[in-house]
PDB file of N, CA and C in Angstrom:
ATOM      1  N   MET A   1      74.877  94.313 104.375  1.00  0.00           N
ATOM      2  CA  MET A   1      75.401  94.431 103.023  1.00  0.00           C
ATOM      3  C   MET A   1      76.819  93.935 102.997  1.00  0.00           C
ATOM      4  N   GLY A   2      77.291  92.920 103.034  1.00  0.00           N
ATOM      5  CA  GLY A   2      78.614  92.337 102.950  1.00  0.00           C
ATOM      6  C   GLY A   2      79.788  93.266 103.202  1.00  0.00           C
ATOM      7  N   ASN A   3      80.940  92.715 103.197  1.00  0.00           N
ATOM      8  CA  ASN A   3      82.162  93.454 103.473  1.00  0.00           C
ATOM      9  C   ASN A   3      82.807  93.853 102.148  1.00  0.00           C
ATOM     10  N   LYS A   4      82.437  95.004 101.613  1.00  0.00           N
ATOM     11  CA  LYS A   4      82.970  95.466 100.332  1.00  0.00           C
ATOM     12  C   LYS A   4      84.337  96.080 100.522  1.00  0.00           C
ATOM     13  N   ARG A   5      85.153  95.913  99.518  1.00  0.00           N
ATOM     14  CA  ARG A   5      86.441  96.594  99.475  1.00  0.00           C
ATOM     15  C   ARG A   5      86.323  97.722  98.474  1.00  0.00           C
ATOM     16  N   PHE A   6      87.023  98.792  98.761  1.00  0.00           N
ATOM     17  CA  PHE A   6      86.947  99.976  97.918  1.00  0.00           C
ATOM     18  C   PHE A   6      88.321 100.393  97.420  1.00  0.00           C
ATOM     19  N   LEU A   7      88.334 101.072  96.293  1.00  0.00           N
ATOM     20  CA  LEU A   7      89.538 101.642  95.719  1.00  0.00           C
ATOM     21  C   LEU A   7      89.356 103.148  95.734  1.00  0.00           C
ATOM     22  N   GLU A   8      90.244 103.861  96.421  1.00  0.00           N
ATOM     23  CA  GLU A   8      90.184 105.320  96.407  1.00  0.00           C
ATOM     24  C   GLU A   8      91.035 105.816  95.252  1.00  0.00           C
ATOM     25  N   VAL A   9      90.440 106.693  94.437  1.00  0.00           N
ATOM     26  CA  VAL A   9      91.105 107.171  93.230  1.00  0.00           C
ATOM     27  C   VAL A   9      90.672 108.614  92.961  1.00  0.00           C
ATOM     28  N   SER A  10      91.537 109.374  92.286  1.00  0.00           N
ATOM     29  CA  SER A  10      91.203 110.747  91.885  1.00  0.00           C
ATOM     30  C   SER A  10      90.566 110.695  90.510  1.00  0.00           C
ATOM     31  N   VAL A  11      89.343 111.226  90.405  1.00  0.00           N
ATOM     32  CA  VAL A  11      88.608 111.207  89.139  1.00  0.00           C
ATOM     33  C   VAL A  11      88.241 112.620  88.727  1.00  0.00           C
ATOM     34  N   LYS A  12      87.943 112.766  87.439  1.00  0.00           N
ATOM     35  CA  LYS A  12      87.563 114.081  86.920  1.00  0.00           C
ATOM     36  C   LYS A  12      86.447 113.897  85.895  1.00  0.00           C
ATOM     37  N   ASP A  13      86.751 114.046  84.632  1.00  0.00           N
ATOM     38  CA  ASP A  13      85.742 113.912  83.582  1.00  0.00           C
ATOM     39  C   ASP A  13      85.297 112.453  83.482  1.00  0.00           C
ATOM     40  N   HIS A  14      84.058 112.242  83.052  1.00  0.00           N
ATOM     41  CA  HIS A  14      83.582 110.870  82.871  1.00  0.00           C
ATOM     42  C   HIS A  14      82.507 110.798  81.793  1.00  0.00           C
ATOM     43  N   LEU A  15      82.339 109.601  81.289  1.00  0.00           N
ATOM     44  CA  LEU A  15      81.338 109.311  80.262  1.00  0.00           C
ATOM     45  C   LEU A  15      80.342 108.320  80.846  1.00  0.00           C
ATOM     46  N   ILE A  16      79.061 108.623  80.722  1.00  0.00           N
ATOM     47  CA  ILE A  16      78.018 107.710  81.187  1.00  0.00           C
ATOM     48  C   ILE A  16      77.424 107.019  79.963  1.00  0.00           C
ATOM     49  N   LEU A  17      77.505 105.704  79.939  1.00  0.00           N
ATOM     50  CA  LEU A  17      76.931 104.909  78.856  1.00  0.00           C
ATOM     51  C   LEU A  17      75.503 104.543  79.246  1.00  0.00           C
ATOM     52  N   HIS A  18      74.535 105.119  78.525  1.00  0.00           N
ATOM     53  CA  HIS A  18      73.122 104.897  78.826  1.00  0.00           C
ATOM     54  C   HIS A  18      72.537 103.714  78.069  1.00  0.00           C
ATOM     55  N   GLY A  19      73.263 103.185  77.117  1.00  0.00           N
ATOM     56  CA  GLY A  19      72.761 102.075  76.317  1.00  0.00           C
ATOM     57  C   GLY A  19      73.185 102.241  74.875  1.00  0.00           C
ATOM     58  N   PHE A  20      72.401 101.655  73.981  1.00  0.00           N
ATOM     59  CA  PHE A  20      72.727 101.671  72.557  1.00  0.00           C
ATOM     60  C   PHE A  20      71.517 102.098  71.743  1.00  0.00           C
ATOM     61  N   ASP A  21      71.774 102.793  70.629  1.00  0.00           N
ATOM     62  CA  ASP A  21      70.680 103.206  69.757  1.00  0.00           C
ATOM     63  C   ASP A  21      70.333 102.090  68.776  1.00  0.00           C
ATOM     64  N   ASP A  22      69.444 102.386  67.837  1.00  0.00           N
ATOM     65  CA  ASP A  22      68.995 101.379  66.862  1.00  0.00           C
ATOM     66  C   ASP A  22      70.109 100.883  65.946  1.00  0.00           C
ATOM     67  N   ASN A  23      71.194 101.667  65.818  1.00  0.00           N
ATOM     68  CA  ASN A  23      72.336 101.274  64.990  1.00  0.00           C
ATOM     69  C   ASN A  23      73.458 100.650  65.815  1.00  0.00           C
ATOM     70  N   ASN A  24      73.140 100.295  67.069  1.00  0.00           N
ATOM     71  CA  ASN A  24      74.094  99.685  67.988  1.00  0.00           C
ATOM     72  C   ASN A  24      75.256 100.622  68.337  1.00  0.00           C
ATOM     73  N   GLU A  25      75.017 101.940  68.245  1.00  0.00           N
ATOM     74  CA  GLU A  25      76.004 102.948  68.639  1.00  0.00           C
ATOM     75  C   GLU A  25      75.768 103.301  70.103  1.00  0.00           C
ATOM     76  N   GLU A  26      76.854 103.516  70.838  1.00  0.00           N
ATOM     77  CA  GLU A  26      76.724 103.869  72.246  1.00  0.00           C
ATOM     78  C   GLU A  26      76.012 105.215  72.417  1.00  0.00           C
ATOM     79  N   ILE A  27      75.138 105.296  73.395  1.00  0.00           N
ATOM     80  CA  ILE A  27      74.512 106.556  73.793  1.00  0.00           C
ATOM     81  C   ILE A  27      75.291 107.044  75.006  1.00  0.00           C
ATOM     82  N   LEU A  28      76.173 108.032  74.786  1.00  0.00           N
ATOM     83  CA  LEU A  28      77.077 108.517  75.829  1.00  0.00           C
ATOM     84  C   LEU A  28      76.721 109.932  76.257  1.00  0.00           C
ATOM     85  N   GLU A  29      76.819 110.167  77.543  1.00  0.00           N
ATOM     86  CA  GLU A  29      76.672 111.504  78.119  1.00  0.00           C
ATOM     87  C   GLU A  29      78.046 111.903  78.662  1.00  0.00           C
ATOM     88  N   GLU A  30      78.600 112.988  78.156  1.00  0.00           N
ATOM     89  CA  GLU A  30      79.912 113.445  78.584  1.00  0.00           C
ATOM     90  C   GLU A  30      79.762 114.443  79.726  1.00  0.00           C
ATOM     91  N   VAL A  31      80.459 114.175  80.836  1.00  0.00           N
ATOM     92  CA  VAL A  31      80.405 115.048  82.004  1.00  0.00           C
ATOM     93  C   VAL A  31      81.796 115.630  82.225  1.00  0.00           C
ATOM     94  N   LYS A  32      81.895 116.953  82.202  1.00  0.00           N
ATOM     95  CA  LYS A  32      83.162 117.645  82.432  1.00  0.00           C
ATOM     96  C   LYS A  32      83.170 118.197  83.850  1.00  0.00           C
ATOM     97  N   ALA A  33      84.175 117.829  84.628  1.00  0.00           N
ATOM     98  CA  ALA A  33      84.314 118.326  85.996  1.00  0.00           C
ATOM     99  C   ALA A  33      85.338 119.448  86.027  1.00  0.00           C
ATOM    100  N   LYS A  34      85.160 120.360  86.958  1.00  0.00           N
ATOM    101  CA  LYS A  34      86.072 121.493  87.067  1.00  0.00           C
ATOM    102  C   LYS A  34      87.434 121.069  87.632  1.00  0.00           C
ATOM    103  N   ASP A  35      87.409 120.211  88.627  1.00  0.00           N
ATOM    104  CA  ASP A  35      88.640 119.779  89.304  1.00  0.00           C
ATOM    105  C   ASP A  35      88.615 118.279  89.559  1.00  0.00           C
ATOM    106  N   TRP A  36      89.793 117.742  89.881  1.00  0.00           N
ATOM    107  CA  TRP A  36      89.909 116.354  90.312  1.00  0.00           C
ATOM    108  C   TRP A  36      89.267 116.217  91.685  1.00  0.00           C
ATOM    109  N   SER A  37      88.656 115.067  91.950  1.00  0.00           N
ATOM    110  CA  SER A  37      88.106 114.803  93.276  1.00  0.00           C
ATOM    111  C   SER A  37      88.347 113.341  93.637  1.00  0.00           C
ATOM    112  N   LYS A  38      88.432 113.078  94.934  1.00  0.00           N
ATOM    113  CA  LYS A  38      88.631 111.713  95.418  1.00  0.00           C
ATOM    114  C   LYS A  38      87.305 110.970  95.368  1.00  0.00           C
ATOM    115  N   LYS A  39      87.367 109.698  94.963  1.00  0.00           N
ATOM    116  CA  LYS A  39      86.184 108.855  94.910  1.00  0.00           C
ATOM    117  C   LYS A  39      86.572 107.466  95.393  1.00  0.00           C
ATOM    118  N   SER A  40      85.719 106.868  96.191  1.00  0.00           N
ATOM    119  CA  SER A  40      85.897 105.474  96.600  1.00  0.00           C
ATOM    120  C   SER A  40      84.971 104.625  95.748  1.00  0.00           C
ATOM    121  N   ILE A  41      85.558 103.718  94.985  1.00  0.00           N
ATOM    122  CA  ILE A  41      84.797 102.867  94.070  1.00  0.00           C
ATOM    123  C   ILE A  41      84.823 101.442  94.616  1.00  0.00           C
ATOM    124  N   ALA A  42      83.657 100.845  94.773  1.00  0.00           N
ATOM    125  CA  ALA A  42      83.575  99.449  95.226  1.00  0.00           C
ATOM    126  C   ALA A  42      84.248  98.558  94.179  1.00  0.00           C
ATOM    127  N   LEU A  43      85.132  97.698  94.638  1.00  0.00           N
ATOM    128  CA  LEU A  43      85.873  96.839  93.702  1.00  0.00           C
ATOM    129  C   LEU A  43      84.946  95.955  92.872  1.00  0.00           C
ATOM    130  N   ASP A  44      83.811  95.544  93.445  1.00  0.00           N
ATOM    131  CA  ASP A  44      82.921  94.673  92.671  1.00  0.00           C
ATOM    132  C   ASP A  44      82.164  95.418  91.573  1.00  0.00           C
ATOM    133  N   ARG A  45      82.295  96.753  91.503  1.00  0.00           N
ATOM    134  CA  ARG A  45      81.683  97.530  90.413  1.00  0.00           C
ATOM    135  C   ARG A  45      82.649  97.762  89.253  1.00  0.00           C
ATOM    136  N   ILE A  46      83.936  97.521  89.463  1.00  0.00           N
ATOM    137  CA  ILE A  46      84.933  97.758  88.405  1.00  0.00           C
ATOM    138  C   ILE A  46      84.842  96.654  87.362  1.00  0.00           C
ATOM    139  N   GLN A  47      84.644  97.080  86.109  1.00  0.00           N
ATOM    140  CA  GLN A  47      84.566  96.147  84.991  1.00  0.00           C
ATOM    141  C   GLN A  47      85.925  95.992  84.304  1.00  0.00           C
ATOM    142  N   SER A  48      86.646  97.115  84.174  1.00  0.00           N
ATOM    143  CA  SER A  48      87.978  97.077  83.560  1.00  0.00           C
ATOM    144  C   SER A  48      88.703  98.386  83.846  1.00  0.00           C
ATOM    145  N   ILE A  49      90.015  98.347  83.606  1.00  0.00           N
ATOM    146  CA  ILE A  49      90.860  99.529  83.760  1.00  0.00           C
ATOM    147  C   ILE A  49      91.751  99.634  82.529  1.00  0.00           C
ATOM    148  N   SER A  50      91.803 100.835  81.948  1.00  0.00           N
ATOM    149  CA  SER A  50      92.733 101.113  80.852  1.00  0.00           C
ATOM    150  C   SER A  50      93.709 102.173  81.344  1.00  0.00           C
ATOM    151  N   GLU A  51      94.578 102.636  80.479  1.00  0.00           N
ATOM    152  CA  GLU A  51      95.545 103.653  80.897  1.00  0.00           C
ATOM    153  C   GLU A  51      94.899 105.003  81.151  1.00  0.00           C
ATOM    154  N   LYS A  52      93.635 105.184  80.757  1.00  0.00           N
ATOM    155  CA  LYS A  52      92.960 106.465  80.956  1.00  0.00           C
ATOM    156  C   LYS A  52      91.684 106.354  81.786  1.00  0.00           C
ATOM    157  N   TYR A  53      90.963 105.227  81.673  1.00  0.00           N
ATOM    158  CA  TYR A  53      89.650 105.103  82.289  1.00  0.00           C
ATOM    159  C   TYR A  53      89.516 103.884  83.197  1.00  0.00           C
ATOM    160  N   ILE A  54      88.660 104.051  84.215  1.00  0.00           N
ATOM    161  CA  ILE A  54      88.149 102.929  84.997  1.00  0.00           C
ATOM    162  C   ILE A  54      86.695 102.785  84.570  1.00  0.00           C
ATOM    163  N   LEU A  55      86.339 101.616  84.077  1.00  0.00           N
ATOM    164  CA  LEU A  55      84.964 101.359  83.661  1.00  0.00           C
ATOM    165  C   LEU A  55      84.240 100.703  84.827  1.00  0.00           C
ATOM    166  N   THR A  56      83.135 101.331  85.272  1.00  0.00           N
ATOM    167  CA  THR A  56      82.375 100.807  86.407  1.00  0.00           C
ATOM    168  C   THR A  56      80.914 100.609  86.047  1.00  0.00           C
ATOM    169  N   SER A  57      80.296  99.650  86.706  1.00  0.00           N
ATOM    170  CA  SER A  57      78.852  99.480  86.565  1.00  0.00           C
ATOM    171  C   SER A  57      78.167 100.541  87.409  1.00  0.00           C
ATOM    172  N   TYR A  58      76.921 100.864  87.031  1.00  0.00           N
ATOM    173  CA  TYR A  58      76.171 101.917  87.701  1.00  0.00           C
ATOM    174  C   TYR A  58      74.692 101.524  87.720  1.00  0.00           C
ATOM    175  N   ALA A  59      73.873 102.328  88.300  1.00  0.00           N
ATOM    176  CA  ALA A  59      72.446 102.039  88.424  1.00  0.00           C
ATOM    177  C   ALA A  59      71.761 101.920  87.065  1.00  0.00           C
ATOM    178  N   TYR A  60      70.684 101.153  87.031  1.00  0.00           N
ATOM    179  CA  TYR A  60      69.819 100.999  85.856  1.00  0.00           C
ATOM    180  C   TYR A  60      70.555 100.452  84.637  1.00  0.00           C
ATOM    181  N   GLY A  61      71.546  99.615  84.870  1.00  0.00           N
ATOM    182  CA  GLY A  61      72.265  98.980  83.774  1.00  0.00           C
ATOM    183  C   GLY A  61      73.250  99.869  83.040  1.00  0.00           C
ATOM    184  N   ARG A  62      73.474 101.062  83.543  1.00  0.00           N
ATOM    185  CA  ARG A  62      74.420 101.975  82.902  1.00  0.00           C
ATOM    186  C   ARG A  62      75.853 101.642  83.318  1.00  0.00           C
ATOM    187  N   LEU A  63      76.794 102.152  82.538  1.00  0.00           N
ATOM    188  CA  LEU A  63      78.221 102.035  82.833  1.00  0.00           C
ATOM    189  C   LEU A  63      78.812 103.439  82.832  1.00  0.00           C
ATOM    190  N   ILE A  64      79.908 103.628  83.607  1.00  0.00           N
ATOM    191  CA  ILE A  64      80.593 104.920  83.618  1.00  0.00           C
ATOM    192  C   ILE A  64      82.078 104.704  83.356  1.00  0.00           C
ATOM    193  N   TYR A  65      82.611 105.492  82.424  1.00  0.00           N
ATOM    194  CA  TYR A  65      84.048 105.546  82.148  1.00  0.00           C
ATOM    195  C   TYR A  65      84.600 106.742  82.933  1.00  0.00           C
ATOM    196  N   TRP A  66      85.323 106.478  84.027  1.00  0.00           N
ATOM    197  CA  TRP A  66      85.906 107.540  84.850  1.00  0.00           C
ATOM    198  C   TRP A  66      87.336 107.823  84.401  1.00  0.00           C
ATOM    199  N   GLU A  67      87.651 109.065  84.091  1.00  0.00           N
ATOM    200  CA  GLU A  67      89.036 109.469  83.844  1.00  0.00           C
ATOM    201  C   GLU A  67      89.722 109.550  85.205  1.00  0.00           C
ATOM    202  N   TYR A  68      90.886 108.942  85.344  1.00  0.00           N
ATOM    203  CA  TYR A  68      91.579 108.960  86.632  1.00  0.00           C
ATOM    204  C   TYR A  68      92.976 109.548  86.501  1.00  0.00           C
ATOM    205  N   LYS A  69      93.510 109.999  87.637  1.00  0.00           N
ATOM    206  CA  LYS A  69      94.779 110.734  87.667  1.00  0.00           C
ATOM    207  C   LYS A  69      95.992 109.843  87.950  1.00  0.00           C
ATOM    208  N   GLU A  70      95.806 108.780  88.679  1.00  0.00           N
ATOM    209  CA  GLU A  70      96.907 107.937  89.125  1.00  0.00           C
ATOM    210  C   GLU A  70      97.601 107.221  87.957  1.00  0.00           C
ATOM    211  N   ASP A  71      98.781 106.735  88.214  1.00  0.00           N
ATOM    212  CA  ASP A  71      99.537 105.941  87.253  1.00  0.00           C
ATOM    213  C   ASP A  71      98.866 104.567  87.084  1.00  0.00           C
ATOM    214  N   TYR A  72      98.759 104.106  85.862  1.00  0.00           N
ATOM    215  CA  TYR A  72      98.088 102.840  85.565  1.00  0.00           C
ATOM    216  C   TYR A  72      98.676 101.668  86.354  1.00  0.00           C
ATOM    217  N   GLU A  73      99.974 101.503  86.329  1.00  0.00           N
ATOM    218  CA  GLU A  73     100.605 100.362  87.015  1.00  0.00           C
ATOM    219  C   GLU A  73     100.372 100.425  88.527  1.00  0.00           C
ATOM    220  N   THR A  74     100.436 101.616  89.086  1.00  0.00           N
ATOM    221  CA  THR A  74     100.185 101.780  90.522  1.00  0.00           C
ATOM    222  C   THR A  74      98.752 101.412  90.843  1.00  0.00           C
ATOM    223  N   LEU A  75      97.827 101.910  90.044  1.00  0.00           N
ATOM    224  CA  LEU A  75      96.420 101.617  90.271  1.00  0.00           C
ATOM    225  C   LEU A  75      96.145 100.126  90.132  1.00  0.00           C
ATOM    226  N   LYS A  76      96.697  99.527  89.102  1.00  0.00           N
ATOM    227  CA  LYS A  76      96.491  98.093  88.862  1.00  0.00           C
ATOM    228  C   LYS A  76      96.997  97.268  90.039  1.00  0.00           C
ATOM    229  N   SER A  77      98.113  97.658  90.626  1.00  0.00           N
ATOM    230  CA  SER A  77      98.675  96.907  91.742  1.00  0.00           C
ATOM    231  C   SER A  77      97.836  97.047  93.019  1.00  0.00           C
ATOM    232  N   ARG A  78      97.024  98.089  93.113  1.00  0.00           N
ATOM    233  CA  ARG A  78      96.186  98.308  94.291  1.00  0.00           C
ATOM    234  C   ARG A  78      94.885  97.513  94.254  1.00  0.00           C
ATOM    235  N   ILE A  79      94.589  96.924  93.125  1.00  0.00           N
ATOM    236  CA  ILE A  79      93.318  96.193  93.004  1.00  0.00           C
ATOM    237  C   ILE A  79      93.480  94.766  93.453  1.00  0.00           C
TER     238      ILE A  79
END
C-alpha cells in the first residue's frame, strides 16, 4: 500500500456527510465526542481545511467534517 504521509491532529465533534436528499440538501449525522482525541489522517484523504474543520473523504463515498483543536495557520503549515 504505498508510502502514505499522515497528519496528526486533535479532533472532537464531527459531521458525517452521507449524501444528498431529493432537494439536494446534505444528509448529515452529527457526532458529539466527550473529549479531544489524537487522530492520524492520511494526507491523501484531506479535501480541505477551514478555520474550524478538516474535511476528509471516507468509506462509501461519504465525507467527514472533523472539528480540530490546533491553530489553523500551524496546521496549514504542517501539510
